[in-house]
Amino acid sequence: MKIKKLLKALPLYVAVVPPSRNDVVGTLSAPQSVIEKPQQAGSFMSAIISFIVVIAGVYALWQLLTGGLGYITSNGDKAKVQESTQKILMAILGLFVIGASFIIAAVVSRLLFGNSSVIFSPTLKTVN
């Protein structure tokens, strides 16, 4: 229903705007927090990846601590010992996967670009 009203009002809007005017909308500027230059996108992506890795590391540390605490307080209960052992193993495996992903990214970067840190600090170049 609203779309029909909008479509009916559209010819009136076009009729009100003079045809010689090029900036119908006006000047739009991005908010302060948005990336203004394309060259900043690489550092922005690096910051997001670093943040995700830190969160994953903190989560793995938390899992190690809760798994160790569960192992200590299990009092010989086989189910709790197995659950705690599984939690500790999965946390260690998660840390291993995080480290292995950086190694794989460095190797791929070295093979494709000749420098192992290109993927970790990307830069966008503008075409003039």
C-alpha atoms as a PDB file:
ATOM      1  CA  MET A   1       0.000   0.000   0.000  1.00  0.00           C
ATOM      2  CA  LYS A   2       2.780   2.447   0.908  1.00  0.00           C
ATOM      3  CA  ILE A   3       4.683   1.535  -2.261  1.00  0.00           C
ATOM      4  CA  LYS A   4       1.683   2.524  -4.392  1.00  0.00           C
ATOM      5  CA  LYS A   5       1.507   5.894  -2.642  1.00  0.00           C
ATOM      6  CA  LEU A   6       5.224   6.380  -3.174  1.00  0.00           C
ATOM      7  CA  LEU A   7       4.967   5.522  -6.846  1.00  0.00           C
ATOM      8  CA  LYS A   8       2.045   7.930  -7.250  1.00  0.00           C
ATOM      9  CA  ALA A   9       4.045  10.724  -5.563  1.00  0.00           C
ATOM     10  CA  LEU A  10       7.163  10.056  -7.640  1.00  0.00           C
ATOM     11  CA  PRO A  11       6.060  11.923 -10.805  1.00  0.00           C
ATOM     12  CA  LEU A  12       5.224  14.946  -8.657  1.00  0.00           C
ATOM     13  CA  TYR A  13       8.716  14.864  -7.153  1.00  0.00           C
ATOM     14  CA  VAL A  14      10.323  14.639 -10.562  1.00  0.00           C
ATOM     15  CA  ALA A  15       8.169  17.489 -11.808  1.00  0.00           C
ATOM     16  CA  VAL A  16       9.202  19.710  -8.844  1.00  0.00           C
ATOM     17  CA  VAL A  17      12.945  19.207  -9.370  1.00  0.00           C
ATOM     18  CA  PRO A  18      14.292  21.324 -12.224  1.00  0.00           C
ATOM     19  CA  PRO A  19      15.882  19.195 -14.970  1.00  0.00           C
ATOM     20  CA  SER A  20      19.094  21.269 -15.007  1.00  0.00           C
ATOM     21  CA  ARG A  21      19.941  20.447 -11.392  1.00  0.00           C
ATOM     22  CA  ASN A  22      22.453  17.563 -11.147  1.00  0.00           C
ATOM     23  CA  ASP A  23      22.541  17.020  -7.383  1.00  0.00           C
ATOM     24  CA  VAL A  24      18.992  15.991  -6.574  1.00  0.00           C
ATOM     25  CA  VAL A  25      20.005  14.367  -3.304  1.00  0.00           C
ATOM     26  CA  GLY A  26      22.649  16.927  -2.333  1.00  0.00           C
ATOM     27  CA  THR A  27      26.066  16.311  -0.867  1.00  0.00           C
ATOM     28  CA  LEU A  28      26.365  13.157   1.222  1.00  0.00           C
ATOM     29  CA  SER A  29      29.283  12.618   3.559  1.00  0.00           C
ATOM     30  CA  ALA A  30      30.194   9.456   5.421  1.00  0.00           C
ATOM     31  CA  PRO A  31      30.082   9.383   9.230  1.00  0.00           C
ATOM     32  CA  GLN A  32      33.386   9.816  11.079  1.00  0.00           C
ATOM     33  CA  SER A  33      33.664   6.111  11.944  1.00  0.00           C
ATOM     34  CA  VAL A  34      33.420   4.890   8.342  1.00  0.00           C
ATOM     35  CA  ILE A  35      36.523   4.318   6.239  1.00  0.00           C
ATOM     36  CA  GLU A  36      37.035   7.356   4.040  1.00  0.00           C
ATOM     37  CA  LYS A  37      39.899   6.178   1.847  1.00  0.00           C
ATOM     38  CA  PRO A  38      40.184   2.748   0.201  1.00  0.00           C
ATOM     39  CA  GLN A  39      43.762   2.455   1.506  1.00  0.00           C
ATOM     40  CA  GLN A  40      42.376   2.290   5.060  1.00  0.00           C
ATOM     41  CA  ALA A  41      40.408  -0.903   4.332  1.00  0.00           C
ATOM     42  CA  GLY A  42      43.501  -3.102   4.715  1.00  0.00           C
ATOM     43  CA  SER A  43      44.302  -1.856   8.199  1.00  0.00           C
ATOM     44  CA  PHE A  44      40.625  -2.132   9.102  1.00  0.00           C
ATOM     45  CA  MET A  45      40.534  -5.801   8.022  1.00  0.00           C
ATOM     46  CA  SER A  46      43.775  -6.497   9.901  1.00  0.00           C
ATOM     47  CA  ALA A  47      42.250  -5.009  13.036  1.00  0.00           C
ATOM     48  CA  ILE A  48      39.146  -7.184  12.694  1.00  0.00           C
ATOM     49  CA  ILE A  49      41.220 -10.342  12.160  1.00  0.00           C
ATOM     50  CA  SER A  50      43.392  -9.495  15.173  1.00  0.00           C
ATOM     51  CA  PHE A  51      40.284  -8.943  17.279  1.00  0.00           C
ATOM     52  CA  ILE A  52      38.809 -12.305  16.239  1.00  0.00           C
ATOM     53  CA  VAL A  53      42.099 -14.095  17.025  1.00  0.00           C
ATOM     54  CA  VAL A  54      42.261 -12.474  20.466  1.00  0.00           C
ATOM     55  CA  ILE A  55      38.659 -13.478  21.224  1.00  0.00           C
ATOM     56  CA  ALA A  56      39.401 -17.054  20.077  1.00  0.00           C
ATOM     57  CA  GLY A  57      42.499 -17.166  22.301  1.00  0.00           C
ATOM     58  CA  VAL A  58      40.606 -15.870  25.329  1.00  0.00           C
ATOM     59  CA  TYR A  59      37.857 -18.420  24.712  1.00  0.00           C
ATOM     60  CA  ALA A  60      40.416 -21.245  24.425  1.00  0.00           C
ATOM     61  CA  LEU A  61      42.039 -20.085  27.675  1.00  0.00           C
ATOM     62  CA  TRP A  62      38.629 -20.062  29.353  1.00  0.00           C
ATOM     63  CA  GLN A  63      37.944 -23.598  28.122  1.00  0.00           C
ATOM     64  CA  LEU A  64      41.337 -24.762  29.409  1.00  0.00           C
ATOM     65  CA  LEU A  65      40.641 -23.258  32.824  1.00  0.00           C
ATOM     66  CA  THR A  66      37.127 -24.676  33.127  1.00  0.00           C
ATOM     67  CA  GLY A  67      38.299 -28.060  31.829  1.00  0.00           C
ATOM     68  CA  GLY A  68      41.153 -28.133  34.335  1.00  0.00           C
ATOM     69  CA  LEU A  69      38.864 -27.085  37.167  1.00  0.00           C
ATOM     70  CA  GLY A  70      36.349 -29.741  36.145  1.00  0.00           C
ATOM     71  CA  TYR A  71      39.120 -32.345  36.073  1.00  0.00           C
ATOM     72  CA  ILE A  72      40.304 -31.389  39.547  1.00  0.00           C
ATOM     73  CA  THR A  73      36.799 -31.379  41.055  1.00  0.00           C
ATOM     74  CA  SER A  74      35.597 -34.574  39.365  1.00  0.00           C
ATOM     75  CA  ASN A  75      36.285 -36.757  42.459  1.00  0.00           C
ATOM     76  CA  GLY A  76      36.959 -39.755  40.254  1.00  0.00           C
ATOM     77  CA  ASP A  77      33.634 -39.582  38.383  1.00  0.00           C
ATOM     78  CA  LYS A  78      34.418 -41.067  34.976  1.00  0.00           C
ATOM     79  CA  ALA A  79      31.850 -38.966  33.105  1.00  0.00           C
ATOM     80  CA  LYS A  80      33.191 -35.687  34.538  1.00  0.00           C
ATOM     81  CA  VAL A  81      36.795 -36.720  33.914  1.00  0.00           C
ATOM     82  CA  GLN A  82      35.991 -37.612  30.310  1.00  0.00           C
ATOM     83  CA  GLU A  83      34.060 -34.362  29.781  1.00  0.00           C
ATOM     84  CA  SER A  84      36.877 -32.266  31.261  1.00  0.00           C
ATOM     85  CA  THR A  85      39.531 -34.109  29.267  1.00  0.00           C
ATOM     86  CA  GLN A  86      37.525 -33.586  26.087  1.00  0.00           C
ATOM     87  CA  LYS A  87      37.170 -29.865  26.865  1.00  0.00           C
ATOM     88  CA  ILE A  88      40.922 -29.505  27.429  1.00  0.00           C
ATOM     89  CA  LEU A  89      41.758 -31.408  24.230  1.00  0.00           C
ATOM     90  CA  MET A  90      39.346 -29.320  22.152  1.00  0.00           C
ATOM     91  CA  ALA A  91      40.799 -26.070  23.557  1.00  0.00           C
ATOM     92  CA  ILE A  92      44.323 -27.190  22.677  1.00  0.00           C
ATOM     93  CA  LEU A  93      43.134 -28.282  19.229  1.00  0.00           C
ATOM     94  CA  GLY A  94      41.503 -24.870  18.732  1.00  0.00           C
ATOM     95  CA  LEU A  95      44.755 -23.096  19.602  1.00  0.00           C
ATOM     96  CA  PHE A  96      46.582 -25.393  17.197  1.00  0.00           C
ATOM     97  CA  VAL A  97      44.110 -24.563  14.395  1.00  0.00           C
ATOM     98  CA  ILE A  98      44.539 -20.826  15.014  1.00  0.00           C
ATOM     99  CA  GLY A  99      48.338 -21.158  14.826  1.00  0.00           C
ATOM    100  CA  ALA A 100      48.192 -23.437  11.795  1.00  0.00           C
ATOM    101  CA  SER A 101      45.945 -20.992   9.946  1.00  0.00           C
ATOM    102  CA  PHE A 102      48.567 -18.258  10.348  1.00  0.00           C
ATOM    103  CA  ILE A 103      51.296 -20.594   9.114  1.00  0.00           C
ATOM    104  CA  ILE A 104      49.221 -21.644   6.091  1.00  0.00           C
ATOM    105  CA  ALA A 105      48.378 -18.007   5.290  1.00  0.00           C
ATOM    106  CA  ALA A 106      52.071 -17.082   5.479  1.00  0.00           C
ATOM    107  CA  VAL A 107      53.070 -19.949   3.170  1.00  0.00           C
ATOM    108  CA  VAL A 108      50.350 -19.093   0.638  1.00  0.00           C
ATOM    109  CA  SER A 109      51.341 -15.430   0.796  1.00  0.00           C
ATOM    110  CA  ARG A 110      54.981 -16.336   0.246  1.00  0.00           C
ATOM    111  CA  LEU A 111      54.123 -18.543  -2.753  1.00  0.00           C
ATOM    112  CA  LEU A 112      51.753 -16.066  -4.406  1.00  0.00           C
ATOM    113  CA  PHE A 113      53.291 -12.693  -3.561  1.00  0.00           C
ATOM    114  CA  GLY A 114      56.914 -13.445  -2.603  1.00  0.00           C
ATOM    115  CA  ASN A 115      56.456 -11.959   0.873  1.00  0.00           C
ATOM    116  CA  SER A 116      54.985 -13.850   3.815  1.00  0.00           C
ATOM    117  CA  SER A 117      53.355 -10.820   5.424  1.00  0.00           C
ATOM    118  CA  VAL A 118      51.311  -9.528   2.488  1.00  0.00           C
ATOM    119  CA  ILE A 119      48.149 -11.357   3.546  1.00  0.00           C
ATOM    120  CA  PHE A 120      48.470 -10.107   7.127  1.00  0.00           C
ATOM    121  CA  SER A 121      48.756  -6.442   6.128  1.00  0.00           C
ATOM    122  CA  PRO A 122      46.731  -5.975   2.951  1.00  0.00           C
ATOM    123  CA  THR A 123      46.720  -2.679   1.076  1.00  0.00           C
ATOM    124  CA  LEU A 124      44.257  -1.579  -1.559  1.00  0.00           C
ATOM    125  CA  LYS A 125      45.539   0.533  -4.392  1.00  0.00           C
ATOM    126  CA  THR A 126      43.317   2.882  -6.287  1.00  0.00           C
ATOM    127  CA  VAL A 127      43.271   3.063 -10.043  1.00  0.00           C
ATOM    128  CA  ASN A 128      43.547   6.620 -11.348  1.00  0.00           C
END
